[in-house]
PDB file of N, CA and C in Angstrom:
ATOM      1  N   MET A   1      30.898 -77.040 -25.515  1.00  0.00           N
ATOM      2  CA  MET A   1      29.420 -76.570 -26.010  1.00  0.00           C
ATOM      3  C   MET A   1      29.528 -75.788 -27.016  1.00  0.00           C
ATOM      4  N   ASN A   2      29.190 -76.259 -27.993  1.00  0.00           N
ATOM      5  CA  ASN A   2      28.897 -75.330 -29.054  1.00  0.00           C
ATOM      6  C   ASN A   2      27.429 -75.084 -29.484  1.00  0.00           C
ATOM      7  N   ILE A   3      26.941 -73.868 -29.624  1.00  0.00           N
ATOM      8  CA  ILE A   3      25.913 -73.224 -29.937  1.00  0.00           C
ATOM      9  C   ILE A   3      25.694 -72.793 -31.282  1.00  0.00           C
ATOM     10  N   THR A   4      24.506 -73.389 -32.108  1.00  0.00           N
ATOM     11  CA  THR A   4      24.352 -72.806 -33.257  1.00  0.00           C
ATOM     12  C   THR A   4      23.129 -72.008 -33.548  1.00  0.00           C
ATOM     13  N   ILE A   5      22.899 -71.079 -33.716  1.00  0.00           N
ATOM     14  CA  ILE A   5      21.439 -70.007 -33.883  1.00  0.00           C
ATOM     15  C   ILE A   5      20.978 -70.229 -35.491  1.00  0.00           C
ATOM     16  N   TYR A   6      19.940 -70.805 -35.632  1.00  0.00           N
ATOM     17  CA  TYR A   6      19.420 -70.585 -36.886  1.00  0.00           C
ATOM     18  C   TYR A   6      18.354 -69.339 -37.219  1.00  0.00           C
ATOM     19  N   SER A   7      18.783 -68.447 -37.869  1.00  0.00           N
ATOM     20  CA  SER A   7      18.029 -66.620 -37.646  1.00  0.00           C
ATOM     21  C   SER A   7      17.778 -66.576 -39.232  1.00  0.00           C
ATOM     22  N   THR A   8      17.047 -64.986 -38.989  1.00  0.00           N
ATOM     23  CA  THR A   8      16.703 -64.443 -40.470  1.00  0.00           C
ATOM     24  C   THR A   8      17.440 -63.329 -39.985  1.00  0.00           C
ATOM     25  N   THR A   9      17.637 -62.262 -41.104  1.00  0.00           N
ATOM     26  CA  THR A   9      17.766 -60.803 -41.063  1.00  0.00           C
ATOM     27  C   THR A   9      17.111 -60.045 -40.463  1.00  0.00           C
ATOM     28  N   THR A  10      15.531 -60.229 -40.324  1.00  0.00           N
ATOM     29  CA  THR A  10      14.469 -59.278 -39.861  1.00  0.00           C
ATOM     30  C   THR A  10      13.921 -60.039 -38.664  1.00  0.00           C
ATOM     31  N   CYS A  11      14.401 -60.968 -38.205  1.00  0.00           N
ATOM     32  CA  CYS A  11      13.710 -61.535 -36.815  1.00  0.00           C
ATOM     33  C   CYS A  11      14.298 -60.740 -35.434  1.00  0.00           C
ATOM     34  N   PRO A  12      13.264 -60.216 -34.799  1.00  0.00           N
ATOM     35  CA  PRO A  12      13.822 -59.251 -33.927  1.00  0.00           C
ATOM     36  C   PRO A  12      13.709 -60.002 -32.437  1.00  0.00           C
ATOM     37  N   TYR A  13      13.464 -61.443 -32.539  1.00  0.00           N
ATOM     38  CA  TYR A  13      13.453 -62.563 -31.341  1.00  0.00           C
ATOM     39  C   TYR A  13      15.164 -62.943 -31.352  1.00  0.00           C
ATOM     40  N   CYS A  14      15.336 -63.231 -32.611  1.00  0.00           N
ATOM     41  CA  CYS A  14      16.646 -63.658 -32.985  1.00  0.00           C
ATOM     42  C   CYS A  14      17.766 -62.580 -32.413  1.00  0.00           C
ATOM     43  N   LYS A  15      17.365 -61.360 -32.231  1.00  0.00           N
ATOM     44  CA  LYS A  15      18.268 -60.185 -32.049  1.00  0.00           C
ATOM     45  C   LYS A  15      18.248 -60.455 -30.697  1.00  0.00           C
ATOM     46  N   MET A  16      17.451 -60.558 -30.057  1.00  0.00           N
ATOM     47  CA  MET A  16      17.067 -60.677 -28.440  1.00  0.00           C
ATOM     48  C   MET A  16      17.920 -62.030 -28.088  1.00  0.00           C
ATOM     49  N   LEU A  17      17.847 -63.060 -28.883  1.00  0.00           N
ATOM     50  CA  LEU A  17      18.386 -63.805 -28.292  1.00  0.00           C
ATOM     51  C   LEU A  17      19.930 -63.688 -28.207  1.00  0.00           C
ATOM     52  N   LYS A  18      20.666 -63.024 -29.675  1.00  0.00           N
ATOM     53  CA  LYS A  18      21.908 -63.038 -29.771  1.00  0.00           C
ATOM     54  C   LYS A  18      22.661 -62.054 -28.474  1.00  0.00           C
ATOM     55  N   ASP A  19      21.770 -61.123 -28.241  1.00  0.00           N
ATOM     56  CA  ASP A  19      22.086 -59.914 -27.451  1.00  0.00           C
ATOM     57  C   ASP A  19      22.298 -60.764 -25.786  1.00  0.00           C
ATOM     58  N   TYR A  20      21.349 -61.341 -25.506  1.00  0.00           N
ATOM     59  CA  TYR A  20      21.284 -62.087 -24.721  1.00  0.00           C
ATOM     60  C   TYR A  20      22.724 -62.970 -24.192  1.00  0.00           C
ATOM     61  N   LEU A  21      23.092 -63.654 -25.391  1.00  0.00           N
ATOM     62  CA  LEU A  21      24.048 -64.646 -25.275  1.00  0.00           C
ATOM     63  C   LEU A  21      25.410 -63.840 -25.365  1.00  0.00           C
ATOM     64  N   ILE A  22      25.214 -62.569 -26.037  1.00  0.00           N
ATOM     65  CA  ILE A  22      26.507 -61.830 -25.914  1.00  0.00           C
ATOM     66  C   ILE A  22      26.800 -61.140 -24.628  1.00  0.00           C
ATOM     67  N   GLY A  23      25.711 -60.794 -23.810  1.00  0.00           N
ATOM     68  CA  GLY A  23      25.649 -60.338 -22.771  1.00  0.00           C
ATOM     69  C   GLY A  23      26.053 -61.412 -21.580  1.00  0.00           C
ATOM     70  N   LYS A  24      25.865 -62.524 -21.868  1.00  0.00           N
ATOM     71  CA  LYS A  24      26.517 -63.813 -21.051  1.00  0.00           C
ATOM     72  C   LYS A  24      27.673 -64.185 -21.340  1.00  0.00           C
ATOM     73  N   SER A  25      28.676 -63.630 -22.252  1.00  0.00           N
ATOM     74  CA  SER A  25      29.908 -63.970 -23.086  1.00  0.00           C
ATOM     75  C   SER A  25      29.653 -65.626 -23.341  1.00  0.00           C
ATOM     76  N   VAL A  26      28.708 -65.860 -24.184  1.00  0.00           N
ATOM     77  CA  VAL A  26      28.547 -66.892 -24.661  1.00  0.00           C
ATOM     78  C   VAL A  26      28.700 -67.198 -25.870  1.00  0.00           C
ATOM     79  N   SER A  27      29.787 -67.797 -26.686  1.00  0.00           N
ATOM     80  CA  SER A  27      29.711 -67.817 -28.166  1.00  0.00           C
ATOM     81  C   SER A  27      28.797 -68.574 -28.664  1.00  0.00           C
ATOM     82  N   PHE A  28      28.803 -68.193 -30.096  1.00  0.00           N
ATOM     83  CA  PHE A  28      27.702 -69.051 -30.897  1.00  0.00           C
ATOM     84  C   PHE A  28      28.115 -68.654 -32.335  1.00  0.00           C
ATOM     85  N   ILE A  29      27.694 -69.779 -33.024  1.00  0.00           N
ATOM     86  CA  ILE A  29      27.696 -69.668 -34.742  1.00  0.00           C
ATOM     87  C   ILE A  29      25.955 -69.270 -35.060  1.00  0.00           C
ATOM     88  N   GLU A  30      25.890 -68.463 -35.836  1.00  0.00           N
ATOM     89  CA  GLU A  30      24.937 -67.831 -36.567  1.00  0.00           C
ATOM     90  C   GLU A  30      24.683 -68.353 -38.063  1.00  0.00           C
ATOM     91  N   LYS A  31      23.576 -68.989 -38.417  1.00  0.00           N
ATOM     92  CA  LYS A  31      23.350 -69.092 -39.574  1.00  0.00           C
ATOM     93  C   LYS A  31      22.027 -68.581 -40.301  1.00  0.00           C
ATOM     94  N   MET A  32      21.928 -67.917 -41.143  1.00  0.00           N
ATOM     95  CA  MET A  32      21.285 -67.279 -41.793  1.00  0.00           C
ATOM     96  C   MET A  32      20.269 -67.794 -42.474  1.00  0.00           C
ATOM     97  N   VAL A  33      19.065 -68.373 -42.538  1.00  0.00           N
ATOM     98  CA  VAL A  33      18.272 -68.933 -43.118  1.00  0.00           C
ATOM     99  C   VAL A  33      17.247 -68.460 -44.304  1.00  0.00           C
ATOM    100  N   ASP A  34      17.380 -67.177 -44.371  1.00  0.00           N
ATOM    101  CA  ASP A  34      16.913 -66.486 -45.254  1.00  0.00           C
ATOM    102  C   ASP A  34      17.807 -65.950 -46.500  1.00  0.00           C
ATOM    103  N   THR A  35      18.991 -66.239 -46.016  1.00  0.00           N
ATOM    104  CA  THR A  35      19.974 -65.947 -47.170  1.00  0.00           C
ATOM    105  C   THR A  35      21.134 -66.929 -47.474  1.00  0.00           C
ATOM    106  N   ASP A  36      20.823 -68.458 -46.923  1.00  0.00           N
ATOM    107  CA  ASP A  36      21.625 -69.363 -46.864  1.00  0.00           C
ATOM    108  C   ASP A  36      21.142 -70.517 -46.968  1.00  0.00           C
ATOM    109  N   GLU A  37      20.791 -70.871 -48.390  1.00  0.00           N
ATOM    110  CA  GLU A  37      20.206 -72.254 -48.702  1.00  0.00           C
ATOM    111  C   GLU A  37      20.582 -73.569 -47.696  1.00  0.00           C
ATOM    112  N   GLU A  38      22.060 -73.837 -47.694  1.00  0.00           N
ATOM    113  CA  GLU A  38      22.350 -74.925 -46.881  1.00  0.00           C
ATOM    114  C   GLU A  38      22.177 -74.828 -45.438  1.00  0.00           C
ATOM    115  N   ALA A  39      22.127 -73.521 -45.017  1.00  0.00           N
ATOM    116  CA  ALA A  39      21.552 -73.282 -43.570  1.00  0.00           C
ATOM    117  C   ALA A  39      20.257 -73.787 -43.559  1.00  0.00           C
ATOM    118  N   GLN A  40      19.303 -73.330 -44.330  1.00  0.00           N
ATOM    119  CA  GLN A  40      18.050 -73.827 -44.308  1.00  0.00           C
ATOM    120  C   GLN A  40      17.919 -75.125 -44.520  1.00  0.00           C
ATOM    121  N   LYS A  41      18.373 -75.880 -45.155  1.00  0.00           N
ATOM    122  CA  LYS A  41      18.030 -77.236 -45.204  1.00  0.00           C
ATOM    123  C   LYS A  41      18.740 -78.104 -43.693  1.00  0.00           C
ATOM    124  N   GLU A  42      20.050 -77.554 -43.268  1.00  0.00           N
ATOM    125  CA  GLU A  42      20.458 -77.530 -42.136  1.00  0.00           C
ATOM    126  C   GLU A  42      19.494 -77.677 -40.863  1.00  0.00           C
ATOM    127  N   MET A  43      18.673 -76.459 -41.073  1.00  0.00           N
ATOM    128  CA  MET A  43      17.705 -76.660 -39.891  1.00  0.00           C
ATOM    129  C   MET A  43      16.333 -77.183 -40.141  1.00  0.00           C
ATOM    130  N   LEU A  44      16.130 -77.322 -41.105  1.00  0.00           N
ATOM    131  CA  LEU A  44      14.821 -78.082 -41.818  1.00  0.00           C
ATOM    132  C   LEU A  44      15.261 -79.883 -41.197  1.00  0.00           C
ATOM    133  N   SER A  45      16.451 -80.130 -41.277  1.00  0.00           N
ATOM    134  CA  SER A  45      16.862 -81.241 -40.737  1.00  0.00           C
ATOM    135  C   SER A  45      16.697 -81.733 -39.236  1.00  0.00           C
ATOM    136  N   ALA A  46      17.469 -80.294 -38.704  1.00  0.00           N
ATOM    137  CA  ALA A  46      17.631 -80.490 -37.171  1.00  0.00           C
ATOM    138  C   ALA A  46      16.594 -80.277 -36.453  1.00  0.00           C
ATOM    139  N   SER A  47      15.208 -79.634 -37.159  1.00  0.00           N
ATOM    140  CA  SER A  47      14.251 -79.132 -36.371  1.00  0.00           C
ATOM    141  C   SER A  47      12.885 -80.109 -37.000  1.00  0.00           C
ATOM    142  N   ASN A  48      13.222 -81.231 -37.786  1.00  0.00           N
ATOM    143  CA  ASN A  48      12.450 -81.948 -38.212  1.00  0.00           C
ATOM    144  C   ASN A  48      10.947 -81.437 -38.842  1.00  0.00           C
ATOM    145  N   GLY A  49      11.738 -80.210 -40.156  1.00  0.00           N
ATOM    146  CA  GLY A  49      10.626 -79.738 -40.824  1.00  0.00           C
ATOM    147  C   GLY A  49      10.114 -77.948 -40.015  1.00  0.00           C
ATOM    148  N   PHE A  50      10.532 -78.108 -38.868  1.00  0.00           N
ATOM    149  CA  PHE A  50      10.095 -76.599 -38.434  1.00  0.00           C
ATOM    150  C   PHE A  50      10.958 -75.606 -39.022  1.00  0.00           C
ATOM    151  N   MET A  51       9.773 -74.354 -39.182  1.00  0.00           N
ATOM    152  CA  MET A  51      10.478 -73.331 -39.947  1.00  0.00           C
ATOM    153  C   MET A  51      10.832 -71.748 -39.188  1.00  0.00           C
ATOM    154  N   GLY A  52      10.256 -71.601 -37.960  1.00  0.00           N
ATOM    155  CA  GLY A  52      10.349 -70.833 -37.150  1.00  0.00           C
ATOM    156  C   GLY A  52      11.765 -70.252 -36.341  1.00  0.00           C
ATOM    157  N   VAL A  53      12.214 -69.332 -36.567  1.00  0.00           N
ATOM    158  CA  VAL A  53      13.222 -68.698 -36.188  1.00  0.00           C
ATOM    159  C   VAL A  53      12.942 -67.600 -34.656  1.00  0.00           C
ATOM    160  N   PRO A  54      13.866 -67.733 -33.831  1.00  0.00           N
ATOM    161  CA  PRO A  54      15.326 -68.451 -33.805  1.00  0.00           C
ATOM    162  C   PRO A  54      15.190 -69.925 -33.305  1.00  0.00           C
ATOM    163  N   PHE A  55      15.899 -70.869 -33.996  1.00  0.00           N
ATOM    164  CA  PHE A  55      15.978 -72.249 -33.545  1.00  0.00           C
ATOM    165  C   PHE A  55      17.463 -72.453 -33.327  1.00  0.00           C
ATOM    166  N   THR A  56      17.664 -73.055 -32.054  1.00  0.00           N
ATOM    167  CA  THR A  56      18.956 -73.265 -31.709  1.00  0.00           C
ATOM    168  C   THR A  56      19.133 -74.647 -31.288  1.00  0.00           C
ATOM    169  N   VAL A  57      20.484 -75.212 -31.745  1.00  0.00           N
ATOM    170  CA  VAL A  57      20.767 -76.563 -31.354  1.00  0.00           C
ATOM    171  C   VAL A  57      22.350 -76.147 -30.594  1.00  0.00           C
ATOM    172  N   ILE A  58      22.059 -76.834 -29.196  1.00  0.00           N
ATOM    173  CA  ILE A  58      23.202 -76.658 -28.254  1.00  0.00           C
ATOM    174  C   ILE A  58      23.530 -78.156 -28.319  1.00  0.00           C
ATOM    175  N   THR A  59      25.035 -78.140 -28.647  1.00  0.00           N
ATOM    176  CA  THR A  59      25.713 -79.361 -28.707  1.00  0.00           C
ATOM    177  C   THR A  59      26.702 -79.750 -27.522  1.00  0.00           C
ATOM    178  N   ARG A  60      26.272 -80.441 -26.787  1.00  0.00           N
ATOM    179  CA  ARG A  60      27.613 -80.472 -25.638  1.00  0.00           C
ATOM    180  C   ARG A  60      28.621 -81.478 -25.804  1.00  0.00           C
ATOM    181  N   ASP A  61      29.499 -81.267 -25.002  1.00  0.00           N
ATOM    182  CA  ASP A  61      30.884 -81.752 -25.399  1.00  0.00           C
ATOM    183  C   ASP A  61      30.829 -83.592 -25.375  1.00  0.00           C
ATOM    184  N   ASP A  62      29.987 -84.121 -25.010  1.00  0.00           N
ATOM    185  CA  ASP A  62      29.750 -85.495 -24.791  1.00  0.00           C
ATOM    186  C   ASP A  62      29.138 -85.775 -26.493  1.00  0.00           C
ATOM    187  N   GLY A  63      28.712 -84.877 -27.107  1.00  0.00           N
ATOM    188  CA  GLY A  63      27.858 -84.876 -28.368  1.00  0.00           C
ATOM    189  C   GLY A  63      26.294 -84.902 -28.010  1.00  0.00           C
ATOM    190  N   THR A  64      25.511 -84.873 -26.826  1.00  0.00           N
ATOM    191  CA  THR A  64      24.410 -85.006 -26.758  1.00  0.00           C
ATOM    192  C   THR A  64      24.123 -83.559 -27.227  1.00  0.00           C
ATOM    193  N   LYS A  65      22.397 -83.669 -27.762  1.00  0.00           N
ATOM    194  CA  LYS A  65      21.995 -82.098 -28.463  1.00  0.00           C
ATOM    195  C   LYS A  65      20.812 -81.880 -27.562  1.00  0.00           C
ATOM    196  N   GLU A  66      20.554 -80.497 -27.358  1.00  0.00           N
ATOM    197  CA  GLU A  66      19.363 -79.633 -26.856  1.00  0.00           C
ATOM    198  C   GLU A  66      19.037 -78.936 -28.115  1.00  0.00           C
ATOM    199  N   THR A  67      17.477 -78.704 -28.053  1.00  0.00           N
ATOM    200  CA  THR A  67      17.103 -77.885 -29.117  1.00  0.00           C
ATOM    201  C   THR A  67      16.340 -76.810 -28.428  1.00  0.00           C
ATOM    202  N   VAL A  68      16.666 -75.647 -29.068  1.00  0.00           N
ATOM    203  CA  VAL A  68      15.457 -74.869 -28.129  1.00  0.00           C
ATOM    204  C   VAL A  68      14.564 -73.989 -29.346  1.00  0.00           C
ATOM    205  N   VAL A  69      13.336 -73.667 -29.380  1.00  0.00           N
ATOM    206  CA  VAL A  69      12.450 -72.989 -30.518  1.00  0.00           C
ATOM    207  C   VAL A  69      12.361 -71.521 -29.724  1.00  0.00           C
ATOM    208  N   GLY A  70      12.574 -70.494 -30.394  1.00  0.00           N
ATOM    209  CA  GLY A  70      12.158 -69.119 -29.960  1.00  0.00           C
ATOM    210  C   GLY A  70      13.216 -68.680 -28.648  1.00  0.00           C
ATOM    211  N   PHE A  71      12.899 -67.588 -28.471  1.00  0.00           N
ATOM    212  CA  PHE A  71      13.909 -67.119 -27.438  1.00  0.00           C
ATOM    213  C   PHE A  71      13.528 -67.511 -25.903  1.00  0.00           C
ATOM    214  N   ASP A  72      13.636 -68.771 -25.578  1.00  0.00           N
ATOM    215  CA  ASP A  72      13.238 -69.065 -24.322  1.00  0.00           C
ATOM    216  C   ASP A  72      13.954 -68.613 -23.002  1.00  0.00           C
ATOM    217  N   LYS A  73      13.752 -67.865 -22.426  1.00  0.00           N
ATOM    218  CA  LYS A  73      15.150 -67.343 -21.687  1.00  0.00           C
ATOM    219  C   LYS A  73      15.183 -68.460 -20.665  1.00  0.00           C
ATOM    220  N   GLY A  74      14.118 -68.680 -19.786  1.00  0.00           N
ATOM    221  CA  GLY A  74      14.112 -69.673 -18.819  1.00  0.00           C
ATOM    222  C   GLY A  74      14.804 -71.013 -18.967  1.00  0.00           C
ATOM    223  N   ARG A  75      14.545 -71.661 -20.225  1.00  0.00           N
ATOM    224  CA  ARG A  75      15.147 -72.761 -20.910  1.00  0.00           C
ATOM    225  C   ARG A  75      16.926 -72.713 -21.319  1.00  0.00           C
ATOM    226  N   PHE A  76      16.959 -71.628 -21.647  1.00  0.00           N
ATOM    227  CA  PHE A  76      18.367 -71.045 -21.906  1.00  0.00           C
ATOM    228  C   PHE A  76      19.402 -70.909 -20.713  1.00  0.00           C
ATOM    229  N   GLU A  77      18.674 -70.386 -19.460  1.00  0.00           N
ATOM    230  CA  GLU A  77      19.281 -70.384 -18.182  1.00  0.00           C
ATOM    231  C   GLU A  77      19.309 -71.776 -17.973  1.00  0.00           C
ATOM    232  N   LEU A  78      18.473 -72.571 -17.732  1.00  0.00           N
ATOM    233  CA  LEU A  78      18.998 -74.304 -17.484  1.00  0.00           C
ATOM    234  C   LEU A  78      20.013 -74.810 -18.439  1.00  0.00           C
ATOM    235  N   LEU A  79      19.676 -74.617 -19.535  1.00  0.00           N
ATOM    236  CA  LEU A  79      20.553 -75.160 -20.371  1.00  0.00           C
ATOM    237  C   LEU A  79      22.381 -74.991 -20.322  1.00  0.00           C
ATOM    238  N   LEU A  80      22.499 -73.511 -20.020  1.00  0.00           N
ATOM    239  CA  LEU A  80      23.725 -72.833 -20.216  1.00  0.00           C
ATOM    240  C   LEU A  80      24.300 -73.395 -18.844  1.00  0.00           C
ATOM    241  N   ILE A  81      23.963 -73.542 -17.734  1.00  0.00           N
ATOM    242  CA  ILE A  81      24.708 -73.953 -16.375  1.00  0.00           C
ATOM    243  C   ILE A  81      24.835 -75.313 -16.451  1.00  0.00           C
ATOM    244  N   LYS A  82      24.314 -75.867 -17.128  1.00  0.00           N
ATOM    245  CA  LYS A  82      24.314 -77.726 -16.912  1.00  0.00           C
ATOM    246  C   LYS A  82      25.928 -78.038 -17.368  1.00  0.00           C
TER     247      LYS A  82
END
């Protein structure tokens, strides 16, 4: 499973999400959309134009993808145990 978090340098919910995943020993890649134009383009493509952060893409080993808008702890709990 690969997790990519699209984030900004000032987003408190992004920090909460990252702290939550670190606390669960879940690795992730962080892409800063406020300082990296390429990351911003990736996020726009993956989110169908949505610009809110955090925006997370979870890619499973079989290639299926799940997306999560915001820090939805309940949804992460469900997705991380699958």
